[in-house]
Protein backbone atom coordinates (compact mmCIF):
# COMPACT_ATOMS: atom_id res chain seq x y z
CA UNK A 1 99.22 117.17 95.65
CA UNK A 2 100.10 113.73 94.44
CA UNK A 3 100.34 111.14 97.17
CA UNK A 4 102.58 108.15 96.51
CA UNK A 5 102.56 104.94 98.50
CA UNK A 6 105.96 104.25 100.06
CA UNK A 7 104.78 101.11 101.87
CA UNK A 8 101.56 99.21 102.38
CA UNK A 9 101.11 95.88 104.11
CA UNK A 10 99.71 93.76 106.88
CA UNK A 11 101.88 92.94 109.92
CA UNK A 12 101.58 90.84 113.05
CA UNK A 13 102.79 93.72 115.25
CA UNK A 14 103.54 97.44 114.80
CA UNK A 15 104.56 100.43 116.91
CA UNK A 16 106.26 103.79 116.61
CA UNK A 17 109.73 104.13 118.14
CA UNK A 18 110.95 107.16 120.09
CA UNK A 19 112.05 108.86 116.85
CA UNK A 20 108.56 108.50 115.36
CA UNK A 21 109.62 105.78 112.92
CA UNK A 22 107.29 102.89 112.27
CA UNK A 23 108.58 99.52 113.46
CA UNK A 24 106.81 96.30 112.50
CA UNK A 25 107.30 92.53 112.65
CA UNK A 26 105.77 89.71 110.68
CA UNK A 27 105.35 92.03 107.67
CA UNK A 28 103.29 90.88 104.67
CA UNK A 29 103.09 87.19 105.53
CA UNK A 30 101.80 85.03 102.67
CA UNK A 31 99.98 82.89 105.21
CA UNK A 32 98.70 83.41 108.73
CA UNK A 33 98.14 80.17 110.65
CA UNK A 34 95.45 79.90 113.32
CA UNK A 35 94.62 76.94 115.58
CA UNK A 36 91.02 76.50 114.47
CA UNK A 37 87.97 78.34 113.19
CA UNK A 38 86.37 80.59 114.11
CA UNK A 39 89.58 82.42 115.06
CA UNK A 40 90.22 85.77 116.69
CA UNK A 41 93.13 87.74 115.21
CA UNK A 42 94.23 91.38 115.34
CA UNK A 43 96.79 92.15 112.64
CA UNK A 44 97.99 95.67 111.88
CA UNK A 45 97.37 97.44 108.58
CA UNK A 46 100.23 99.80 107.69
CA UNK A 47 100.42 102.61 105.14
CA UNK A 48 103.25 105.06 104.59
CA UNK A 49 102.49 107.71 101.97
CA UNK A 50 104.44 110.75 100.81
CA UNK A 51 103.74 113.78 98.68
CA UNK A 52 107.08 115.17 97.45
CA UNK A 53 105.48 118.02 95.49
CA UNK A 54 103.47 119.82 98.15
CA UNK A 55 104.85 122.42 100.47
CA UNK A 56 104.03 121.75 104.10
CA UNK A 57 102.12 125.03 104.43
CA UNK A 58 99.85 123.98 101.54
CA UNK A 59 99.04 120.51 102.90
CA UNK A 60 95.50 119.80 104.13
CA UNK A 61 95.10 119.79 107.91
CA UNK A 62 93.26 116.45 108.05
CA UNK A 63 93.00 113.35 105.91
CA UNK A 64 90.53 110.50 105.75
CA UNK A 65 91.97 107.04 106.46
CA UNK A 66 89.80 103.99 105.72
CA UNK A 67 90.57 100.31 106.31
CA UNK A 68 88.36 97.48 105.11
CA UNK A 69 88.71 93.71 105.44
CA UNK A 70 86.71 91.40 103.20
CA UNK A 71 86.09 87.68 103.74
CA UNK A 72 86.70 85.13 100.96
CA UNK A 73 82.96 85.47 100.20
CA UNK A 74 83.24 89.25 99.83
CA UNK A 75 81.55 90.11 103.13
CA UNK A 76 82.91 93.15 104.99
CA UNK A 77 84.30 91.88 108.30
CA UNK A 78 85.65 95.23 109.38
CA UNK A 79 85.48 98.85 108.26
CA UNK A 80 87.42 101.54 110.11
CA UNK A 81 87.15 105.11 108.92
CA UNK A 82 88.65 108.08 110.69
CA UNK A 83 89.95 111.57 110.09
CA UNK A 84 93.66 111.78 110.78
CA UNK A 85 95.43 115.08 111.54
CA UNK A 86 98.34 115.99 109.28
CA UNK A 87 101.68 115.52 110.99
CA UNK A 88 103.78 118.69 111.13
CA UNK A 89 107.27 118.47 109.63
CA UNK A 90 110.16 120.51 110.97
CA UNK A 91 112.36 120.12 107.89
CA UNK A 92 110.98 121.81 104.77
CA UNK A 93 113.16 119.81 102.35
CA UNK A 94 111.48 116.53 103.35
CA UNK A 95 108.24 115.47 101.64
CA UNK A 96 104.92 115.69 103.42
CA UNK A 97 104.51 112.21 104.92
CA UNK A 98 101.76 110.16 106.56
CA UNK A 99 102.48 107.01 108.59
CA UNK A 100 99.21 105.28 109.34
CA UNK A 101 98.61 102.22 111.47
CA UNK A 102 95.31 100.54 112.28
CA UNK A 103 94.87 97.38 114.30
CA UNK A 104 92.18 95.20 112.76
CA UNK A 105 90.48 92.97 115.36
CA UNK A 106 88.74 90.24 113.39
CA UNK A 107 86.70 87.12 113.90
CA UNK A 108 87.75 84.80 111.07
CA UNK A 109 84.98 82.29 110.25
CA UNK A 110 86.84 79.96 107.88
CA UNK A 111 90.01 79.28 105.93
CA UNK A 112 90.55 81.37 102.85
CA UNK A 113 91.98 84.46 101.26
CA UNK A 114 91.05 87.69 103.06
CA UNK A 115 91.41 91.07 101.37
CA UNK A 116 92.78 94.03 103.30
CA UNK A 117 92.36 97.44 101.67
CA UNK A 118 93.10 101.02 102.61
CA UNK A 119 92.31 104.42 101.19
CA UNK A 120 93.86 107.67 102.28
CA UNK A 121 93.51 111.27 101.20
CA UNK A 122 91.40 114.39 101.18
CA UNK A 123 89.29 116.31 98.66
CA UNK A 124 92.22 118.72 98.17
CA UNK A 125 94.92 116.05 97.84
CA UNK A 126 93.17 113.21 96.05
CA UNK A 127 93.05 109.66 97.35
CA UNK A 128 95.33 106.66 97.09
CA UNK A 129 94.10 103.10 97.56
CA UNK A 130 95.97 99.85 98.14
CA UNK A 131 94.90 96.22 98.51
CA UNK A 132 96.65 93.13 99.88
CA UNK A 133 95.46 89.55 100.21
CA UNK A 134 96.25 87.36 103.20
CA UNK A 135 95.59 83.62 103.36
CA UNK A 136 94.38 82.57 106.79
CA UNK A 137 94.47 78.81 107.33
CA UNK A 138 94.34 76.32 110.18
CA UNK A 139 96.55 73.23 110.47
CA UNK A 140 94.03 71.02 108.64
CA UNK A 141 94.03 73.36 105.61
CA UNK A 142 97.84 73.54 105.60
CA UNK A 143 98.15 69.75 105.67
CA UNK A 144 95.56 69.47 102.89
CA UNK A 145 97.49 71.95 100.74
CA UNK A 146 100.79 70.12 101.37
CA UNK A 147 99.16 66.82 100.45
CA UNK A 148 97.66 68.34 97.30
CA UNK A 149 101.01 69.91 96.31
CA UNK A 150 102.90 66.65 96.75
CA UNK A 151 100.57 64.92 94.27
CA UNK A 152 100.69 67.77 91.76
């Protein structure tokens, strides 16, 4: 098995439609604005992975999915780890696919760059890992950055 990431990102909202397709809004924002700190947010972490080489019958029955969010200081604000059942596919010619969504309720203590990371896999299939940074600022930080940029 050789998992490949088809999509990874952070979104403001996410859900599965009636067809089982992932639908999201506010995908991969470079900046998330909050009113003030500390702030409560709950973004979604999304991962779509495929393994085009494995036959469905040979795929593991469960996978481990792990989400971690680090503060600008490197402190773990959230760790979610769960076993996820493999999704059965009805069409053999399609690759084995995993669509994973985790909502990440967070208390954000200060402005800065927060790191969202995921890992997904199993001992039989190997593991893939992805990381994305998200700047979380309040209005004061945004105005400060604008002021700094205009003098640069």
